[in-house]
Amino acid sequence: MTVFNVVEKFVSINGEGQHAGELAVFIRLRGCNLNCSYCDTRWACTTDAKAQEMTADEIIDYIESTGVNRVTLTGGEPLMAPNIINLLKAFASHKELKIEIETNGSIDIKEFAQIENPPAFTLDYKLKGSKMEDKMLLSNFEYLSPKDTVKFVCSDINELDRVCEIVDKYRICDKATALISPVFGRIQPADMVDYMISHKRNGIRLQLQLHKFIWDPNKRGV
């Protein structure tokens, strides 16, 4: 029987993505294949992080018990979990659930995007400041749909030039939602807005991490 290592499960609002501000059930899985410089969930990425073993049925039972039908599957990196395809197929059979996966951009999403009733992807593109840009799998842009999001977290204002390069080259705004956000506390959002105005960046959306303004930025379970 396949089990998944769940390090956190809770109900809150989505802090980012297309559905920021909406209620969601969060399922955070253990482990990650990257080591981003600004990672705010590093505690969940280690192989020995405390976790609850849950089957797909148990995860779905928990979700249904909350009365909330939007689900955010996150990590770490959820798509690297062994047999994660089985959990996604189990979700797909519950059409009342609206599944979103937060993935770091280094895992091939092709197989997952092609299942029946596929999830929505919030796909990171890790910029230079993350120290992980060389791990990005650019072929993932081929599988984007309008319900998907590409998210760029910027460590400094100059990284916005690279954002525009990627957005234009891969026609991200024609396929999905393109979001930019600052590493919390490192860039003034007003400076990002000034950049968008001066460069006439139609189609790109600035977004702040709501949960870090509502609660302490280091608080878990929100």
C-alpha atoms as a PDB file:
ATOM      1  CA  MET A   1       0.000   0.000   0.000  1.00  0.00           C
ATOM      2  CA  THR A   2       1.402   3.374  -1.004  1.00  0.00           C
ATOM      3  CA  VAL A   3       1.750   5.918   1.779  1.00  0.00           C
ATOM      4  CA  PHE A   4       2.750   9.574   1.590  1.00  0.00           C
ATOM      5  CA  ASN A   5       4.827  11.443   4.148  1.00  0.00           C
ATOM      6  CA  VAL A   6       2.655  14.395   5.184  1.00  0.00           C
ATOM      7  CA  VAL A   7       4.556  16.912   7.311  1.00  0.00           C
ATOM      8  CA  GLU A   8       1.661  19.357   7.574  1.00  0.00           C
ATOM      9  CA  LYS A   9      -2.047  19.473   6.841  1.00  0.00           C
ATOM     10  CA  PHE A  10      -4.258  22.443   7.611  1.00  0.00           C
ATOM     11  CA  VAL A  11      -6.907  24.816   6.283  1.00  0.00           C
ATOM     12  CA  SER A  12      -6.023  28.425   5.511  1.00  0.00           C
ATOM     13  CA  ILE A  13      -6.183  30.851   2.612  1.00  0.00           C
ATOM     14  CA  ASN A  14      -3.991  30.531  -0.433  1.00  0.00           C
ATOM     15  CA  GLY A  15      -1.227  33.044   0.083  1.00  0.00           C
ATOM     16  CA  GLU A  16      -0.280  33.219  -3.592  1.00  0.00           C
ATOM     17  CA  GLY A  17      -1.216  31.923  -7.025  1.00  0.00           C
ATOM     18  CA  GLN A  18      -4.333  32.428  -9.146  1.00  0.00           C
ATOM     19  CA  HIS A  19      -6.544  31.722  -6.141  1.00  0.00           C
ATOM     20  CA  ALA A  20      -4.791  33.882  -3.547  1.00  0.00           C
ATOM     21  CA  GLY A  21      -7.169  34.765  -0.742  1.00  0.00           C
ATOM     22  CA  GLU A  22      -9.410  31.718  -1.244  1.00  0.00           C
ATOM     23  CA  LEU A  23      -9.785  28.986   1.352  1.00  0.00           C
ATOM     24  CA  ALA A  24      -7.760  25.867   0.684  1.00  0.00           C
ATOM     25  CA  VAL A  25      -6.753  22.641   2.356  1.00  0.00           C
ATOM     26  CA  PHE A  26      -2.966  22.399   2.409  1.00  0.00           C
ATOM     27  CA  ILE A  27      -1.210  19.046   2.184  1.00  0.00           C
ATOM     28  CA  ARG A  28       2.552  19.466   2.594  1.00  0.00           C
ATOM     29  CA  LEU A  29       4.703  16.491   1.626  1.00  0.00           C
ATOM     30  CA  ARG A  30       8.213  15.799   2.868  1.00  0.00           C
ATOM     31  CA  GLY A  31      11.361  16.200   0.808  1.00  0.00           C
ATOM     32  CA  CYS A  32      12.808  18.357  -1.949  1.00  0.00           C
ATOM     33  CA  ASN A  33      15.458  17.953  -4.634  1.00  0.00           C
ATOM     34  CA  LEU A  34      16.528  21.616  -4.560  1.00  0.00           C
ATOM     35  CA  ASN A  35      18.123  23.872  -1.950  1.00  0.00           C
ATOM     36  CA  CYS A  36      16.989  27.411  -2.721  1.00  0.00           C
ATOM     37  CA  SER A  37      18.833  30.205  -0.933  1.00  0.00           C
ATOM     38  CA  TYR A  38      15.590  31.792   0.306  1.00  0.00           C
ATOM     39  CA  CYS A  39      13.633  28.602   1.086  1.00  0.00           C
ATOM     40  CA  ASP A  40      11.042  29.230   3.807  1.00  0.00           C
ATOM     41  CA  THR A  41      10.066  25.569   4.296  1.00  0.00           C
ATOM     42  CA  ARG A  42      13.528  24.050   4.639  1.00  0.00           C
ATOM     43  CA  TRP A  43      12.364  22.192   7.731  1.00  0.00           C
ATOM     44  CA  ALA A  44      10.031  20.121   5.522  1.00  0.00           C
ATOM     45  CA  CYS A  45      12.694  19.248   2.949  1.00  0.00           C
ATOM     46  CA  THR A  46      14.949  16.961   4.979  1.00  0.00           C
ATOM     47  CA  THR A  47      14.591  13.192   4.707  1.00  0.00           C
ATOM     48  CA  ASP A  48      14.119  12.915   8.475  1.00  0.00           C
ATOM     49  CA  ALA A  49      11.480  15.636   8.871  1.00  0.00           C
ATOM     50  CA  LYS A  50       8.710  14.467  11.184  1.00  0.00           C
ATOM     51  CA  ALA A  51       5.800  13.242   9.066  1.00  0.00           C
ATOM     52  CA  GLN A  52       2.535  11.354   9.259  1.00  0.00           C
ATOM     53  CA  GLU A  53       2.215   8.423   6.875  1.00  0.00           C
ATOM     54  CA  MET A  54      -1.102   8.663   5.065  1.00  0.00           C
ATOM     55  CA  THR A  55      -2.651   6.724   2.185  1.00  0.00           C
ATOM     56  CA  ALA A  56      -4.388   8.492  -0.683  1.00  0.00           C
ATOM     57  CA  ASP A  57      -7.755   7.527   0.799  1.00  0.00           C
ATOM     58  CA  GLU A  58      -6.790   8.935   4.202  1.00  0.00           C
ATOM     59  CA  ILE A  59      -5.658  12.207   2.640  1.00  0.00           C
ATOM     60  CA  ILE A  60      -8.918  12.506   0.721  1.00  0.00           C
ATOM     61  CA  ASP A  61     -10.939  11.641   3.834  1.00  0.00           C
ATOM     62  CA  TYR A  62      -9.158  14.436   5.712  1.00  0.00           C
ATOM     63  CA  ILE A  63      -9.787  16.920   2.898  1.00  0.00           C
ATOM     64  CA  GLU A  64     -13.467  16.036   2.718  1.00  0.00           C
ATOM     65  CA  SER A  65     -13.793  16.360   6.512  1.00  0.00           C
ATOM     66  CA  THR A  66     -12.813  20.034   6.278  1.00  0.00           C
ATOM     67  CA  GLY A  67     -15.679  21.011   3.979  1.00  0.00           C
ATOM     68  CA  VAL A  68     -13.201  22.935   1.777  1.00  0.00           C
ATOM     69  CA  ASN A  69     -12.977  21.826  -1.855  1.00  0.00           C
ATOM     70  CA  ARG A  70      -9.847  23.668  -2.984  1.00  0.00           C
ATOM     71  CA  VAL A  71      -6.634  21.739  -2.283  1.00  0.00           C
ATOM     72  CA  THR A  72      -3.034  22.941  -2.425  1.00  0.00           C
ATOM     73  CA  LEU A  73      -0.471  20.144  -2.625  1.00  0.00           C
ATOM     74  CA  THR A  74       2.885  21.551  -1.631  1.00  0.00           C
ATOM     75  CA  GLY A  75       6.239  20.767  -0.082  1.00  0.00           C
ATOM     76  CA  GLY A  76       9.158  20.604  -0.304  1.00  0.00           C
ATOM     77  CA  GLU A  77       8.606  19.281  -3.773  1.00  0.00           C
ATOM     78  CA  PRO A  78       5.416  17.179  -3.926  1.00  0.00           C
ATOM     79  CA  LEU A  79       6.022  15.741  -7.399  1.00  0.00           C
ATOM     80  CA  MET A  80       9.140  13.892  -6.250  1.00  0.00           C
ATOM     81  CA  ALA A  81       7.164  11.813  -3.734  1.00  0.00           C
ATOM     82  CA  PRO A  82       7.202   8.106  -4.696  1.00  0.00           C
ATOM     83  CA  ASN A  83       4.027   7.075  -6.543  1.00  0.00           C
ATOM     84  CA  ILE A  84       2.628  10.616  -6.427  1.00  0.00           C
ATOM     85  CA  ILE A  85       0.811   9.815  -9.682  1.00  0.00           C
ATOM     86  CA  ASN A  86      -1.423   7.480  -7.656  1.00  0.00           C
ATOM     87  CA  LEU A  87      -2.481  10.314  -5.353  1.00  0.00           C
ATOM     88  CA  LEU A  88      -3.172  12.616  -8.308  1.00  0.00           C
ATOM     89  CA  LYS A  89      -5.290   9.952 -10.006  1.00  0.00           C
ATOM     90  CA  ALA A  90      -7.197   9.441  -6.755  1.00  0.00           C
ATOM     91  CA  PHE A  91      -7.836  13.184  -6.603  1.00  0.00           C
ATOM     92  CA  ALA A  92      -8.964  13.163 -10.241  1.00  0.00           C
ATOM     93  CA  SER A  93     -11.801  10.783  -9.440  1.00  0.00           C
ATOM     94  CA  HIS A  94     -13.191  13.312  -6.953  1.00  0.00           C
ATOM     95  CA  LYS A  95     -14.255  15.969  -9.417  1.00  0.00           C
ATOM     96  CA  GLU A  96     -15.626  18.216  -6.681  1.00  0.00           C
ATOM     97  CA  LEU A  97     -12.042  18.817  -5.504  1.00  0.00           C
ATOM     98  CA  LYS A  98     -10.016  21.580  -7.150  1.00  0.00           C
ATOM     99  CA  ILE A  99      -6.391  20.501  -6.963  1.00  0.00           C
ATOM    100  CA  GLU A 100      -3.408  22.825  -7.281  1.00  0.00           C
ATOM    101  CA  ILE A 101       0.206  21.659  -7.086  1.00  0.00           C
ATOM    102  CA  GLU A 102       3.049  23.966  -6.117  1.00  0.00           C
ATOM    103  CA  THR A 103       6.122  22.607  -7.909  1.00  0.00           C
ATOM    104  CA  ASN A 104       9.634  23.972  -8.142  1.00  0.00           C
ATOM    105  CA  GLY A 105      10.149  23.817 -11.908  1.00  0.00           C
ATOM    106  CA  SER A 106      12.769  21.073 -11.941  1.00  0.00           C
ATOM    107  CA  ILE A 107      10.423  18.068 -12.182  1.00  0.00           C
ATOM    108  CA  ASP A 108       8.917  17.000 -15.521  1.00  0.00           C
ATOM    109  CA  ILE A 109       5.179  17.670 -15.316  1.00  0.00           C
ATOM    110  CA  LYS A 110       4.260  16.000 -18.638  1.00  0.00           C
ATOM    111  CA  GLU A 111       2.943  12.756 -17.123  1.00  0.00           C
ATOM    112  CA  PHE A 112       0.933  14.590 -14.486  1.00  0.00           C
ATOM    113  CA  ALA A 113      -0.515  17.133 -16.915  1.00  0.00           C
ATOM    114  CA  GLN A 114      -1.865  14.342 -19.117  1.00  0.00           C
ATOM    115  CA  ILE A 115      -3.939  12.437 -16.567  1.00  0.00           C
ATOM    116  CA  GLU A 116      -7.710  12.706 -16.674  1.00  0.00           C
ATOM    117  CA  ASN A 117      -8.905  15.836 -14.852  1.00  0.00           C
ATOM    118  CA  PRO A 118      -5.318  17.061 -14.245  1.00  0.00           C
ATOM    119  CA  PRO A 119      -4.414  19.409 -11.411  1.00  0.00           C
ATOM    120  CA  ALA A 120      -3.527  23.056 -11.848  1.00  0.00           C
ATOM    121  CA  PHE A 121       0.187  23.722 -11.609  1.00  0.00           C
ATOM    122  CA  THR A 122       1.861  26.653  -9.913  1.00  0.00           C
ATOM    123  CA  LEU A 123       5.239  26.215 -11.526  1.00  0.00           C
ATOM    124  CA  ASP A 124       8.231  28.085 -10.184  1.00  0.00           C
ATOM    125  CA  TYR A 125      11.007  29.421 -12.343  1.00  0.00           C
ATOM    126  CA  LYS A 126      13.977  29.753 -10.019  1.00  0.00           C
ATOM    127  CA  LEU A 127      16.025  32.841 -10.807  1.00  0.00           C
ATOM    128  CA  LYS A 128      19.748  33.384 -10.235  1.00  0.00           C
ATOM    129  CA  GLY A 129      19.320  34.519  -6.638  1.00  0.00           C
ATOM    130  CA  SER A 130      17.900  31.119  -5.699  1.00  0.00           C
ATOM    131  CA  LYS A 131      21.173  29.453  -6.804  1.00  0.00           C
ATOM    132  CA  MET A 132      19.018  26.824  -8.514  1.00  0.00           C
ATOM    133  CA  GLU A 133      18.362  28.338 -11.958  1.00  0.00           C
ATOM    134  CA  ASP A 134      20.468  25.687 -13.699  1.00  0.00           C
ATOM    135  CA  LYS A 135      18.012  23.024 -12.449  1.00  0.00           C
ATOM    136  CA  MET A 136      15.006  24.499 -14.277  1.00  0.00           C
ATOM    137  CA  LEU A 137      13.304  22.210 -16.809  1.00  0.00           C
ATOM    138  CA  LEU A 138      12.219  24.560 -19.573  1.00  0.00           C
ATOM    139  CA  SER A 139      10.290  21.859 -21.443  1.00  0.00           C
ATOM    140  CA  ASN A 140       7.613  22.163 -18.728  1.00  0.00           C
ATOM    141  CA  PHE A 141       6.384  25.322 -20.438  1.00  0.00           C
ATOM    142  CA  GLU A 142       5.017  23.131 -23.260  1.00  0.00           C
ATOM    143  CA  TYR A 143       2.354  21.664 -20.967  1.00  0.00           C
ATOM    144  CA  LEU A 144       0.898  24.840 -19.505  1.00  0.00           C
ATOM    145  CA  SER A 145      -2.813  25.600 -19.672  1.00  0.00           C
ATOM    146  CA  PRO A 146      -4.885  28.653 -18.670  1.00  0.00           C
ATOM    147  CA  LYS A 147      -5.475  27.268 -15.179  1.00  0.00           C
ATOM    148  CA  ASP A 148      -1.717  27.079 -14.571  1.00  0.00           C
ATOM    149  CA  THR A 149       0.665  29.689 -13.173  1.00  0.00           C
ATOM    150  CA  VAL A 150       4.360  30.397 -13.631  1.00  0.00           C
ATOM    151  CA  LYS A 151       5.804  32.139 -10.593  1.00  0.00           C
ATOM    152  CA  PHE A 152       9.040  34.117 -10.459  1.00  0.00           C
ATOM    153  CA  VAL A 153      10.391  34.988  -7.013  1.00  0.00           C
ATOM    154  CA  CYS A 154      12.872  37.858  -7.326  1.00  0.00           C
ATOM    155  CA  SER A 155      15.852  38.376  -5.025  1.00  0.00           C
ATOM    156  CA  ASP A 156      16.740  41.754  -6.524  1.00  0.00           C
ATOM    157  CA  ILE A 157      15.186  44.184  -8.964  1.00  0.00           C
ATOM    158  CA  ASN A 158      17.631  43.288 -11.751  1.00  0.00           C
ATOM    159  CA  GLU A 159      16.156  39.785 -11.919  1.00  0.00           C
ATOM    160  CA  LEU A 160      13.065  41.261 -13.526  1.00  0.00           C
ATOM    161  CA  ASP A 161      15.048  41.533 -16.773  1.00  0.00           C
ATOM    162  CA  ARG A 162      15.429  37.756 -16.738  1.00  0.00           C
ATOM    163  CA  VAL A 163      11.736  37.333 -15.938  1.00  0.00           C
ATOM    164  CA  CYS A 164      10.805  39.344 -19.025  1.00  0.00           C
ATOM    165  CA  GLU A 165      13.241  37.348 -21.151  1.00  0.00           C
ATOM    166  CA  ILE A 166      11.675  34.020 -20.101  1.00  0.00           C
ATOM    167  CA  VAL A 167       8.090  35.292 -20.324  1.00  0.00           C
ATOM    168  CA  ASP A 168       8.634  36.603 -23.851  1.00  0.00           C
ATOM    169  CA  LYS A 169      10.710  33.703 -25.190  1.00  0.00           C
ATOM    170  CA  TYR A 170       8.255  31.040 -24.039  1.00  0.00           C
ATOM    171  CA  ARG A 171       5.096  33.149 -24.509  1.00  0.00           C
ATOM    172  CA  ILE A 172       4.069  32.451 -20.939  1.00  0.00           C
ATOM    173  CA  CYS A 173       1.288  35.043 -20.872  1.00  0.00           C
ATOM    174  CA  ASP A 174      -0.374  33.403 -23.885  1.00  0.00           C
ATOM    175  CA  LYS A 175      -0.560  30.069 -22.072  1.00  0.00           C
ATOM    176  CA  ALA A 176      -0.918  30.704 -18.350  1.00  0.00           C
ATOM    177  CA  THR A 177      -0.740  33.336 -15.604  1.00  0.00           C
ATOM    178  CA  ALA A 178       2.671  34.924 -14.994  1.00  0.00           C
ATOM    179  CA  LEU A 179       3.316  36.135 -11.446  1.00  0.00           C
ATOM    180  CA  ILE A 180       6.235  38.013  -9.949  1.00  0.00           C
ATOM    181  CA  SER A 181       6.849  38.380  -6.239  1.00  0.00           C
ATOM    182  CA  PRO A 182       9.726  39.579  -4.076  1.00  0.00           C
ATOM    183  CA  VAL A 183      11.739  37.464  -1.683  1.00  0.00           C
ATOM    184  CA  PHE A 184      10.031  38.637   1.485  1.00  0.00           C
ATOM    185  CA  GLY A 185      11.727  41.716   2.887  1.00  0.00           C
ATOM    186  CA  ARG A 186      14.415  41.885   0.203  1.00  0.00           C
ATOM    187  CA  ILE A 187      12.787  44.100  -2.472  1.00  0.00           C
ATOM    188  CA  GLN A 188      10.327  46.929  -2.066  1.00  0.00           C
ATOM    189  CA  PRO A 189       7.142  45.988  -3.973  1.00  0.00           C
ATOM    190  CA  ALA A 190       6.835  49.604  -5.120  1.00  0.00           C
ATOM    191  CA  ASP A 191      10.124  49.227  -6.986  1.00  0.00           C
ATOM    192  CA  MET A 192       8.716  46.213  -8.816  1.00  0.00           C
ATOM    193  CA  VAL A 193       5.651  48.220  -9.791  1.00  0.00           C
ATOM    194  CA  ASP A 194       7.895  51.016 -11.064  1.00  0.00           C
ATOM    195  CA  TYR A 195       9.734  48.457 -13.201  1.00  0.00           C
ATOM    196  CA  MET A 196       6.463  47.124 -14.626  1.00  0.00           C
ATOM    197  CA  ILE A 197       5.357  50.656 -15.523  1.00  0.00           C
ATOM    198  CA  SER A 198       8.629  51.741 -17.077  1.00  0.00           C
ATOM    199  CA  HIS A 199       8.928  48.521 -19.115  1.00  0.00           C
ATOM    200  CA  LYS A 200       5.208  48.421 -20.010  1.00  0.00           C
ATOM    201  CA  ARG A 201       4.876  44.832 -18.830  1.00  0.00           C
ATOM    202  CA  ASN A 202       1.295  44.025 -19.692  1.00  0.00           C
ATOM    203  CA  GLY A 203       0.175  40.555 -18.683  1.00  0.00           C
ATOM    204  CA  ILE A 204       2.576  40.064 -15.780  1.00  0.00           C
ATOM    205  CA  ARG A 205       0.988  40.293 -12.340  1.00  0.00           C
ATOM    206  CA  LEU A 206       2.689  41.369  -9.104  1.00  0.00           C
ATOM    207  CA  GLN A 207       1.694  39.301  -6.103  1.00  0.00           C
ATOM    208  CA  LEU A 208       2.728  39.412  -2.461  1.00  0.00           C
ATOM    209  CA  GLN A 209       2.605  36.421  -0.115  1.00  0.00           C
ATOM    210  CA  LEU A 210      -0.573  37.207   1.815  1.00  0.00           C
ATOM    211  CA  HIS A 211       0.122  34.801   4.653  1.00  0.00           C
ATOM    212  CA  LYS A 212       3.354  36.639   5.510  1.00  0.00           C
ATOM    213  CA  PHE A 213       1.436  39.881   6.007  1.00  0.00           C
ATOM    214  CA  ILE A 214      -1.472  38.370   7.933  1.00  0.00           C
ATOM    215  CA  TRP A 215       0.649  36.235  10.279  1.00  0.00           C
ATOM    216  CA  ASP A 216       4.268  36.145  11.438  1.00  0.00           C
ATOM    217  CA  PRO A 217       6.344  35.325   8.327  1.00  0.00           C
ATOM    218  CA  ASN A 218       7.824  32.269  10.062  1.00  0.00           C
ATOM    219  CA  LYS A 219       4.538  30.882  11.402  1.00  0.00           C
ATOM    220  CA  ARG A 220       3.688  27.356  10.283  1.00  0.00           C
ATOM    221  CA  GLY A 221       0.257  25.959   9.569  1.00  0.00           C
ATOM    222  CA  VAL A 222      -1.062  29.061   7.856  1.00  0.00           C
END
